[in-house]
Amino acid sequence: MPDTKPVVPSIAIDGPAVSGKTSVGRALAQRIGYRLLDTGLMYRAATWNAIQNNVDVGDEAAVSAATEDMVFLVEDGVDGENLIFVNGEDVTRYLHTQAVDDSVSAVSAVGRVREIMVAEQRRLAGEGGIVVVGRDIGTVVIPESPLKIYLTASARTRAIRRHREFVADGTEVELEDILHSMERRDLADSSRKNSPLRPADDAQVVDTDDLTLDQVVDRLVELTKDVV
């Protein structure tokens, strides 16, 4: 007889840039025995690919064509993180540069890019047992998810977090420059025509400003108890 075991539901986590989605999502996935899918890395891969191919990120047709030609693959790392391969090359380490930060909103707003990425995200989420992290997961990718979480924090808090990441990597960048970039990106992400950033109507909103990573994860684990 065919296996009729029901698919374990997937969990949606959304929020603005550097709200803690990836770190929290990975920790939550490890705590409940799920896999992680960081969809932001997929859009960053498309952005990196466009930059590498000298594509004007403001040219939607050119960005779409470059993304259609890009062969990308998402694999699981040893610590549960995602590894992103573009045309056979592991490009994960290149995806959080300032150049990608500055252009990812423009690339992510392109309708054809979103079609390509959402189709793959839905395929992976359909396998079940995965925490899917992004900006339109609960509203577009898996609106049927029984648990939708929206993480948020102030722009300055998020800028300070990203600045610490750059400093740890030995990259010199001004905090105020990161803050201004963050504010521009928030505006672009929340006002774009295709899949604007917003909480799903039934999302659990969690403000991470004054919470540690462990405190956020503990809260989310509690929320999963009726789902997992």
C-alpha atoms as a PDB file:
ATOM      1  CA  MET A   1       0.000   0.000   0.000  1.00  0.00           C
ATOM      2  CA  PRO A   2       1.195   3.547  -0.674  1.00  0.00           C
ATOM      3  CA  ASP A   3       2.562   5.589   2.215  1.00  0.00           C
ATOM      4  CA  THR A   4      -0.316   7.761   3.424  1.00  0.00           C
ATOM      5  CA  LYS A   5       1.536   9.371   6.302  1.00  0.00           C
ATOM      6  CA  PRO A   6       0.519  13.051   6.390  1.00  0.00           C
ATOM      7  CA  VAL A   7       3.121  15.669   5.532  1.00  0.00           C
ATOM      8  CA  VAL A   8       4.383  17.512   8.600  1.00  0.00           C
ATOM      9  CA  PRO A   9       3.321  21.157   8.213  1.00  0.00           C
ATOM     10  CA  SER A  10       5.867  23.847   7.448  1.00  0.00           C
ATOM     11  CA  ILE A  11       6.272  27.015   9.510  1.00  0.00           C
ATOM     12  CA  ALA A  12       6.445  30.544   8.050  1.00  0.00           C
ATOM     13  CA  ILE A  13       8.685  33.258   9.508  1.00  0.00           C
ATOM     14  CA  ASP A  14       8.632  36.735   7.973  1.00  0.00           C
ATOM     15  CA  GLY A  15      10.114  40.098   8.870  1.00  0.00           C
ATOM     16  CA  PRO A  16      12.276  42.970   7.641  1.00  0.00           C
ATOM     17  CA  ALA A  17      16.010  42.755   6.999  1.00  0.00           C
ATOM     18  CA  VAL A  18      18.131  41.757  10.012  1.00  0.00           C
ATOM     19  CA  SER A  19      15.141  41.255  12.304  1.00  0.00           C
ATOM     20  CA  GLY A  20      16.712  37.982  13.397  1.00  0.00           C
ATOM     21  CA  LYS A  21      14.738  35.727  11.055  1.00  0.00           C
ATOM     22  CA  THR A  22      17.618  33.567   9.889  1.00  0.00           C
ATOM     23  CA  SER A  23      19.296  33.051  13.275  1.00  0.00           C
ATOM     24  CA  VAL A  24      15.968  32.460  14.977  1.00  0.00           C
ATOM     25  CA  GLY A  25      14.701  30.249  12.164  1.00  0.00           C
ATOM     26  CA  ARG A  26      17.812  28.077  12.235  1.00  0.00           C
ATOM     27  CA  ALA A  27      17.728  27.740  16.028  1.00  0.00           C
ATOM     28  CA  LEU A  28      14.009  26.967  15.990  1.00  0.00           C
ATOM     29  CA  ALA A  29      14.458  24.366  13.265  1.00  0.00           C
ATOM     30  CA  GLN A  30      17.182  22.647  15.288  1.00  0.00           C
ATOM     31  CA  ARG A  31      15.063  22.674  18.445  1.00  0.00           C
ATOM     32  CA  ILE A  32      12.016  21.061  16.788  1.00  0.00           C
ATOM     33  CA  GLY A  33      13.824  18.800  14.329  1.00  0.00           C
ATOM     34  CA  TYR A  34      12.897  20.705  11.177  1.00  0.00           C
ATOM     35  CA  ARG A  35      14.981  21.803   8.188  1.00  0.00           C
ATOM     36  CA  LEU A  36      15.568  25.485   7.375  1.00  0.00           C
ATOM     37  CA  LEU A  37      14.919  27.384   4.150  1.00  0.00           C
ATOM     38  CA  ASP A  38      16.226  30.959   4.117  1.00  0.00           C
ATOM     39  CA  THR A  39      14.494  32.373   1.045  1.00  0.00           C
ATOM     40  CA  GLY A  40      16.342  35.674   1.335  1.00  0.00           C
ATOM     41  CA  LEU A  41      19.514  33.895   0.237  1.00  0.00           C
ATOM     42  CA  MET A  42      17.775  32.872  -2.952  1.00  0.00           C
ATOM     43  CA  TYR A  43      17.027  36.502  -3.858  1.00  0.00           C
ATOM     44  CA  ARG A  44      20.545  37.452  -2.825  1.00  0.00           C
ATOM     45  CA  ALA A  45      21.859  34.785  -5.181  1.00  0.00           C
ATOM     46  CA  ALA A  46      19.873  36.314  -8.042  1.00  0.00           C
ATOM     47  CA  THR A  47      21.261  39.729  -7.074  1.00  0.00           C
ATOM     48  CA  TRP A  48      24.840  38.473  -6.871  1.00  0.00           C
ATOM     49  CA  ASN A  49      24.399  36.748 -10.214  1.00  0.00           C
ATOM     50  CA  ALA A  50      23.145  39.966 -11.831  1.00  0.00           C
ATOM     51  CA  ILE A  51      26.058  41.971 -10.414  1.00  0.00           C
ATOM     52  CA  GLN A  52      28.586  39.348 -11.531  1.00  0.00           C
ATOM     53  CA  ASN A  53      27.179  39.522 -15.044  1.00  0.00           C
ATOM     54  CA  ASN A  54      27.249  43.345 -15.108  1.00  0.00           C
ATOM     55  CA  VAL A  55      23.461  43.518 -15.328  1.00  0.00           C
ATOM     56  CA  ASP A  56      21.809  46.828 -14.480  1.00  0.00           C
ATOM     57  CA  VAL A  57      19.612  45.892 -11.510  1.00  0.00           C
ATOM     58  CA  GLY A  58      17.184  48.608 -12.578  1.00  0.00           C
ATOM     59  CA  ASP A  59      16.576  46.849 -15.890  1.00  0.00           C
ATOM     60  CA  GLU A  60      13.809  44.375 -15.066  1.00  0.00           C
ATOM     61  CA  ALA A  61      14.013  42.539 -18.391  1.00  0.00           C
ATOM     62  CA  ALA A  62      17.764  42.033 -18.060  1.00  0.00           C
ATOM     63  CA  VAL A  63      17.461  40.913 -14.424  1.00  0.00           C
ATOM     64  CA  SER A  64      14.704  38.488 -15.377  1.00  0.00           C
ATOM     65  CA  ALA A  65      16.771  37.014 -18.212  1.00  0.00           C
ATOM     66  CA  ALA A  66      19.831  36.618 -15.973  1.00  0.00           C
ATOM     67  CA  THR A  67      17.748  34.872 -13.308  1.00  0.00           C
ATOM     68  CA  GLU A  68      16.118  32.543 -15.840  1.00  0.00           C
ATOM     69  CA  ASP A  69      19.590  31.514 -17.048  1.00  0.00           C
ATOM     70  CA  MET A  70      20.910  30.993 -13.511  1.00  0.00           C
ATOM     71  CA  VAL A  71      21.087  27.407 -12.280  1.00  0.00           C
ATOM     72  CA  PHE A  72      20.761  27.519  -8.508  1.00  0.00           C
ATOM     73  CA  LEU A  73      20.569  24.907  -5.794  1.00  0.00           C
ATOM     74  CA  VAL A  74      19.859  25.087  -2.065  1.00  0.00           C
ATOM     75  CA  GLU A  75      21.638  22.546   0.138  1.00  0.00           C
ATOM     76  CA  ASP A  76      21.797  22.009   3.898  1.00  0.00           C
ATOM     77  CA  GLY A  77      25.055  22.855   5.674  1.00  0.00           C
ATOM     78  CA  VAL A  78      26.491  20.856   8.564  1.00  0.00           C
ATOM     79  CA  ASP A  79      25.050  23.277  11.145  1.00  0.00           C
ATOM     80  CA  GLY A  80      21.614  23.463   9.548  1.00  0.00           C
ATOM     81  CA  GLU A  81      22.370  26.609   7.562  1.00  0.00           C
ATOM     82  CA  ASN A  82      21.641  26.927   3.845  1.00  0.00           C
ATOM     83  CA  LEU A  83      24.338  26.740   1.205  1.00  0.00           C
ATOM     84  CA  ILE A  84      23.531  28.383  -2.122  1.00  0.00           C
ATOM     85  CA  PHE A  85      25.077  27.165  -5.358  1.00  0.00           C
ATOM     86  CA  VAL A  86      24.899  29.182  -8.568  1.00  0.00           C
ATOM     87  CA  ASN A  87      25.961  27.410 -11.733  1.00  0.00           C
ATOM     88  CA  GLY A  88      27.697  24.786  -9.618  1.00  0.00           C
ATOM     89  CA  GLU A  89      29.647  27.246  -7.424  1.00  0.00           C
ATOM     90  CA  ASP A  90      29.025  27.700  -3.693  1.00  0.00           C
ATOM     91  CA  VAL A  91      28.414  31.464  -3.502  1.00  0.00           C
ATOM     92  CA  THR A  92      27.041  31.615   0.051  1.00  0.00           C
ATOM     93  CA  ARG A  93      29.958  33.657   1.379  1.00  0.00           C
ATOM     94  CA  TYR A  94      29.356  36.411  -1.189  1.00  0.00           C
ATOM     95  CA  LEU A  95      25.695  36.989  -0.455  1.00  0.00           C
ATOM     96  CA  HIS A  96      25.904  39.466   2.443  1.00  0.00           C
ATOM     97  CA  THR A  97      28.232  42.045   0.913  1.00  0.00           C
ATOM     98  CA  GLN A  98      27.252  45.706   0.902  1.00  0.00           C
ATOM     99  CA  ALA A  99      26.875  45.594  -2.900  1.00  0.00           C
ATOM    100  CA  VAL A 100      24.275  42.836  -2.606  1.00  0.00           C
ATOM    101  CA  ASP A 101      22.598  44.616   0.321  1.00  0.00           C
ATOM    102  CA  ASP A 102      22.226  47.765  -1.788  1.00  0.00           C
ATOM    103  CA  SER A 103      20.670  45.978  -4.794  1.00  0.00           C
ATOM    104  CA  VAL A 104      18.675  43.044  -3.435  1.00  0.00           C
ATOM    105  CA  SER A 105      15.449  45.012  -2.957  1.00  0.00           C
ATOM    106  CA  ALA A 106      15.445  46.079  -6.614  1.00  0.00           C
ATOM    107  CA  VAL A 107      16.032  42.522  -7.804  1.00  0.00           C
ATOM    108  CA  SER A 108      13.487  41.072  -5.369  1.00  0.00           C
ATOM    109  CA  ALA A 109      10.827  43.457  -6.678  1.00  0.00           C
ATOM    110  CA  VAL A 110      11.036  42.040 -10.214  1.00  0.00           C
ATOM    111  CA  GLY A 111       7.920  39.986 -10.878  1.00  0.00           C
ATOM    112  CA  ARG A 112       9.610  37.291 -12.947  1.00  0.00           C
ATOM    113  CA  VAL A 113      12.332  36.820 -10.325  1.00  0.00           C
ATOM    114  CA  ARG A 114       9.679  36.313  -7.672  1.00  0.00           C
ATOM    115  CA  GLU A 115       7.806  33.813  -9.848  1.00  0.00           C
ATOM    116  CA  ILE A 116      10.945  31.710 -10.241  1.00  0.00           C
ATOM    117  CA  MET A 117      11.858  31.836  -6.567  1.00  0.00           C
ATOM    118  CA  VAL A 118       8.343  31.325  -5.178  1.00  0.00           C
ATOM    119  CA  ALA A 119       7.830  28.235  -7.333  1.00  0.00           C
ATOM    120  CA  GLU A 120      10.964  26.639  -5.882  1.00  0.00           C
ATOM    121  CA  GLN A 121      10.111  27.771  -2.348  1.00  0.00           C
ATOM    122  CA  ARG A 122       6.659  26.209  -2.574  1.00  0.00           C
ATOM    123  CA  ARG A 123       8.160  22.980  -3.869  1.00  0.00           C
ATOM    124  CA  LEU A 124      10.569  22.771  -0.944  1.00  0.00           C
ATOM    125  CA  ALA A 125       7.950  23.819   1.619  1.00  0.00           C
ATOM    126  CA  GLY A 126       5.622  21.157   0.228  1.00  0.00           C
ATOM    127  CA  GLU A 127       8.040  18.495   1.448  1.00  0.00           C
ATOM    128  CA  GLY A 128       6.980  19.476   4.982  1.00  0.00           C
ATOM    129  CA  GLY A 129       8.938  19.710   8.219  1.00  0.00           C
ATOM    130  CA  ILE A 130      10.696  22.928   7.255  1.00  0.00           C
ATOM    131  CA  VAL A 131      10.945  26.422   8.740  1.00  0.00           C
ATOM    132  CA  VAL A 132      10.686  28.841   5.821  1.00  0.00           C
ATOM    133  CA  VAL A 133      12.138  32.292   6.426  1.00  0.00           C
ATOM    134  CA  GLY A 134      11.572  35.361   4.267  1.00  0.00           C
ATOM    135  CA  ARG A 135       9.387  38.388   3.601  1.00  0.00           C
ATOM    136  CA  ASP A 136       6.276  36.952   1.941  1.00  0.00           C
ATOM    137  CA  ILE A 137       6.162  33.417   3.290  1.00  0.00           C
ATOM    138  CA  GLY A 138       2.968  33.695   5.306  1.00  0.00           C
ATOM    139  CA  THR A 139       1.238  35.939   2.781  1.00  0.00           C
ATOM    140  CA  VAL A 140       2.279  34.387  -0.548  1.00  0.00           C
ATOM    141  CA  VAL A 141       4.496  31.305  -0.412  1.00  0.00           C
ATOM    142  CA  ILE A 142       2.669  29.146   2.165  1.00  0.00           C
ATOM    143  CA  PRO A 143      -0.397  31.081   3.329  1.00  0.00           C
ATOM    144  CA  GLU A 144      -1.874  27.726   4.376  1.00  0.00           C
ATOM    145  CA  SER A 145       0.807  27.293   7.066  1.00  0.00           C
ATOM    146  CA  PRO A 146      -0.813  26.688  10.467  1.00  0.00           C
ATOM    147  CA  LEU A 147       1.816  28.889  12.137  1.00  0.00           C
ATOM    148  CA  LYS A 148       2.908  32.230  10.703  1.00  0.00           C
ATOM    149  CA  ILE A 149       5.381  34.317  12.689  1.00  0.00           C
ATOM    150  CA  TYR A 150       6.388  37.916  11.982  1.00  0.00           C
ATOM    151  CA  LEU A 151       9.608  39.084  13.639  1.00  0.00           C
ATOM    152  CA  THR A 152      10.337  42.781  13.859  1.00  0.00           C
ATOM    153  CA  ALA A 153      12.774  45.273  15.434  1.00  0.00           C
ATOM    154  CA  SER A 154      13.582  48.955  14.998  1.00  0.00           C
ATOM    155  CA  ALA A 155      15.705  50.007  12.025  1.00  0.00           C
ATOM    156  CA  ARG A 156      18.515  51.208  14.308  1.00  0.00           C
ATOM    157  CA  THR A 157      18.599  47.938  16.255  1.00  0.00           C
ATOM    158  CA  ARG A 158      18.806  46.036  12.992  1.00  0.00           C
ATOM    159  CA  ALA A 159      21.514  48.355  11.637  1.00  0.00           C
ATOM    160  CA  ILE A 160      23.605  47.816  14.772  1.00  0.00           C
ATOM    161  CA  ARG A 161      23.270  44.035  14.316  1.00  0.00           C
ATOM    162  CA  ARG A 162      24.404  44.213  10.695  1.00  0.00           C
ATOM    163  CA  HIS A 163      27.283  46.557  11.607  1.00  0.00           C
ATOM    164  CA  ARG A 164      28.522  44.010  14.155  1.00  0.00           C
ATOM    165  CA  GLU A 165      28.445  41.341  11.439  1.00  0.00           C
ATOM    166  CA  PHE A 166      30.571  43.492   9.138  1.00  0.00           C
ATOM    167  CA  VAL A 167      33.033  44.294  11.918  1.00  0.00           C
ATOM    168  CA  ALA A 168      33.338  40.608  12.796  1.00  0.00           C
ATOM    169  CA  ASP A 169      34.155  39.887   9.142  1.00  0.00           C
ATOM    170  CA  GLY A 170      36.793  42.640   9.100  1.00  0.00           C
ATOM    171  CA  THR A 171      34.757  44.888   6.795  1.00  0.00           C
ATOM    172  CA  GLU A 172      34.871  48.631   7.466  1.00  0.00           C
ATOM    173  CA  VAL A 173      31.516  50.356   6.994  1.00  0.00           C
ATOM    174  CA  GLU A 174      29.822  53.227   8.803  1.00  0.00           C
ATOM    175  CA  LEU A 175      26.861  52.423  11.023  1.00  0.00           C
ATOM    176  CA  GLU A 176      24.879  55.399   9.689  1.00  0.00           C
ATOM    177  CA  ASP A 177      25.406  54.199   6.118  1.00  0.00           C
ATOM    178  CA  ILE A 178      23.957  50.818   7.088  1.00  0.00           C
ATOM    179  CA  LEU A 179      21.035  52.504   8.851  1.00  0.00           C
ATOM    180  CA  HIS A 180      20.194  54.638   5.818  1.00  0.00           C
ATOM    181  CA  SER A 181      20.451  51.578   3.557  1.00  0.00           C
ATOM    182  CA  MET A 182      18.187  49.665   5.953  1.00  0.00           C
ATOM    183  CA  GLU A 183      15.573  52.427   5.958  1.00  0.00           C
ATOM    184  CA  ARG A 184      15.600  52.610   2.156  1.00  0.00           C
ATOM    185  CA  ARG A 185      15.232  48.862   1.931  1.00  0.00           C
ATOM    186  CA  ASP A 186      12.360  48.790   4.429  1.00  0.00           C
ATOM    187  CA  LEU A 187      10.512  51.371   2.339  1.00  0.00           C
ATOM    188  CA  ALA A 188      11.196  49.504  -0.902  1.00  0.00           C
ATOM    189  CA  ASP A 189      10.186  46.127   0.552  1.00  0.00           C
ATOM    190  CA  SER A 190       6.965  47.387   2.122  1.00  0.00           C
ATOM    191  CA  SER A 191       5.834  49.468  -0.867  1.00  0.00           C
ATOM    192  CA  ARG A 192       6.727  47.211  -3.787  1.00  0.00           C
ATOM    193  CA  LYS A 193       3.936  46.090  -6.094  1.00  0.00           C
ATOM    194  CA  ASN A 194       4.830  42.379  -5.984  1.00  0.00           C
ATOM    195  CA  SER A 195       4.428  40.698  -2.586  1.00  0.00           C
ATOM    196  CA  PRO A 196       5.020  43.712  -0.308  1.00  0.00           C
ATOM    197  CA  LEU A 197       6.453  43.031   3.133  1.00  0.00           C
ATOM    198  CA  ARG A 198       3.677  42.849   5.726  1.00  0.00           C
ATOM    199  CA  PRO A 199       2.491  40.468   8.444  1.00  0.00           C
ATOM    200  CA  ALA A 200      -0.125  37.912   7.445  1.00  0.00           C
ATOM    201  CA  ASP A 201      -3.508  38.681   8.982  1.00  0.00           C
ATOM    202  CA  ASP A 202      -3.169  35.712  11.340  1.00  0.00           C
ATOM    203  CA  ALA A 203       0.563  36.071  12.039  1.00  0.00           C
ATOM    204  CA  GLN A 204       2.024  36.018  15.543  1.00  0.00           C
ATOM    205  CA  VAL A 205       4.032  39.290  15.729  1.00  0.00           C
ATOM    206  CA  VAL A 206       7.170  39.126  17.899  1.00  0.00           C
ATOM    207  CA  ASP A 207       9.236  42.278  18.574  1.00  0.00           C
ATOM    208  CA  THR A 208      12.874  41.226  19.058  1.00  0.00           C
ATOM    209  CA  ASP A 209      14.266  44.630  20.113  1.00  0.00           C
ATOM    210  CA  ASP A 210      14.662  43.773  23.783  1.00  0.00           C
ATOM    211  CA  LEU A 211      14.892  39.991  23.556  1.00  0.00           C
ATOM    212  CA  THR A 212      17.933  37.756  23.307  1.00  0.00           C
ATOM    213  CA  LEU A 213      18.108  35.097  20.616  1.00  0.00           C
ATOM    214  CA  ASP A 214      17.354  32.379  23.164  1.00  0.00           C
ATOM    215  CA  GLN A 215      14.350  34.284  24.491  1.00  0.00           C
ATOM    216  CA  VAL A 216      12.910  34.664  20.994  1.00  0.00           C
ATOM    217  CA  VAL A 217      13.467  30.997  20.197  1.00  0.00           C
ATOM    218  CA  ASP A 218      11.881  29.929  23.493  1.00  0.00           C
ATOM    219  CA  ARG A 219       8.805  31.979  22.643  1.00  0.00           C
ATOM    220  CA  LEU A 220       8.572  30.482  19.167  1.00  0.00           C
ATOM    221  CA  VAL A 221       8.975  26.936  20.477  1.00  0.00           C
ATOM    222  CA  GLU A 222       5.934  27.584  22.663  1.00  0.00           C
ATOM    223  CA  LEU A 223       3.999  28.738  19.618  1.00  0.00           C
ATOM    224  CA  THR A 224       4.837  25.533  17.743  1.00  0.00           C
ATOM    225  CA  LYS A 225       3.472  23.176  20.387  1.00  0.00           C
ATOM    226  CA  ASP A 226       0.058  22.936  18.746  1.00  0.00           C
ATOM    227  CA  VAL A 227       1.607  22.458  15.290  1.00  0.00           C
ATOM    228  CA  VAL A 228       4.621  20.150  15.539  1.00  0.00           C
END
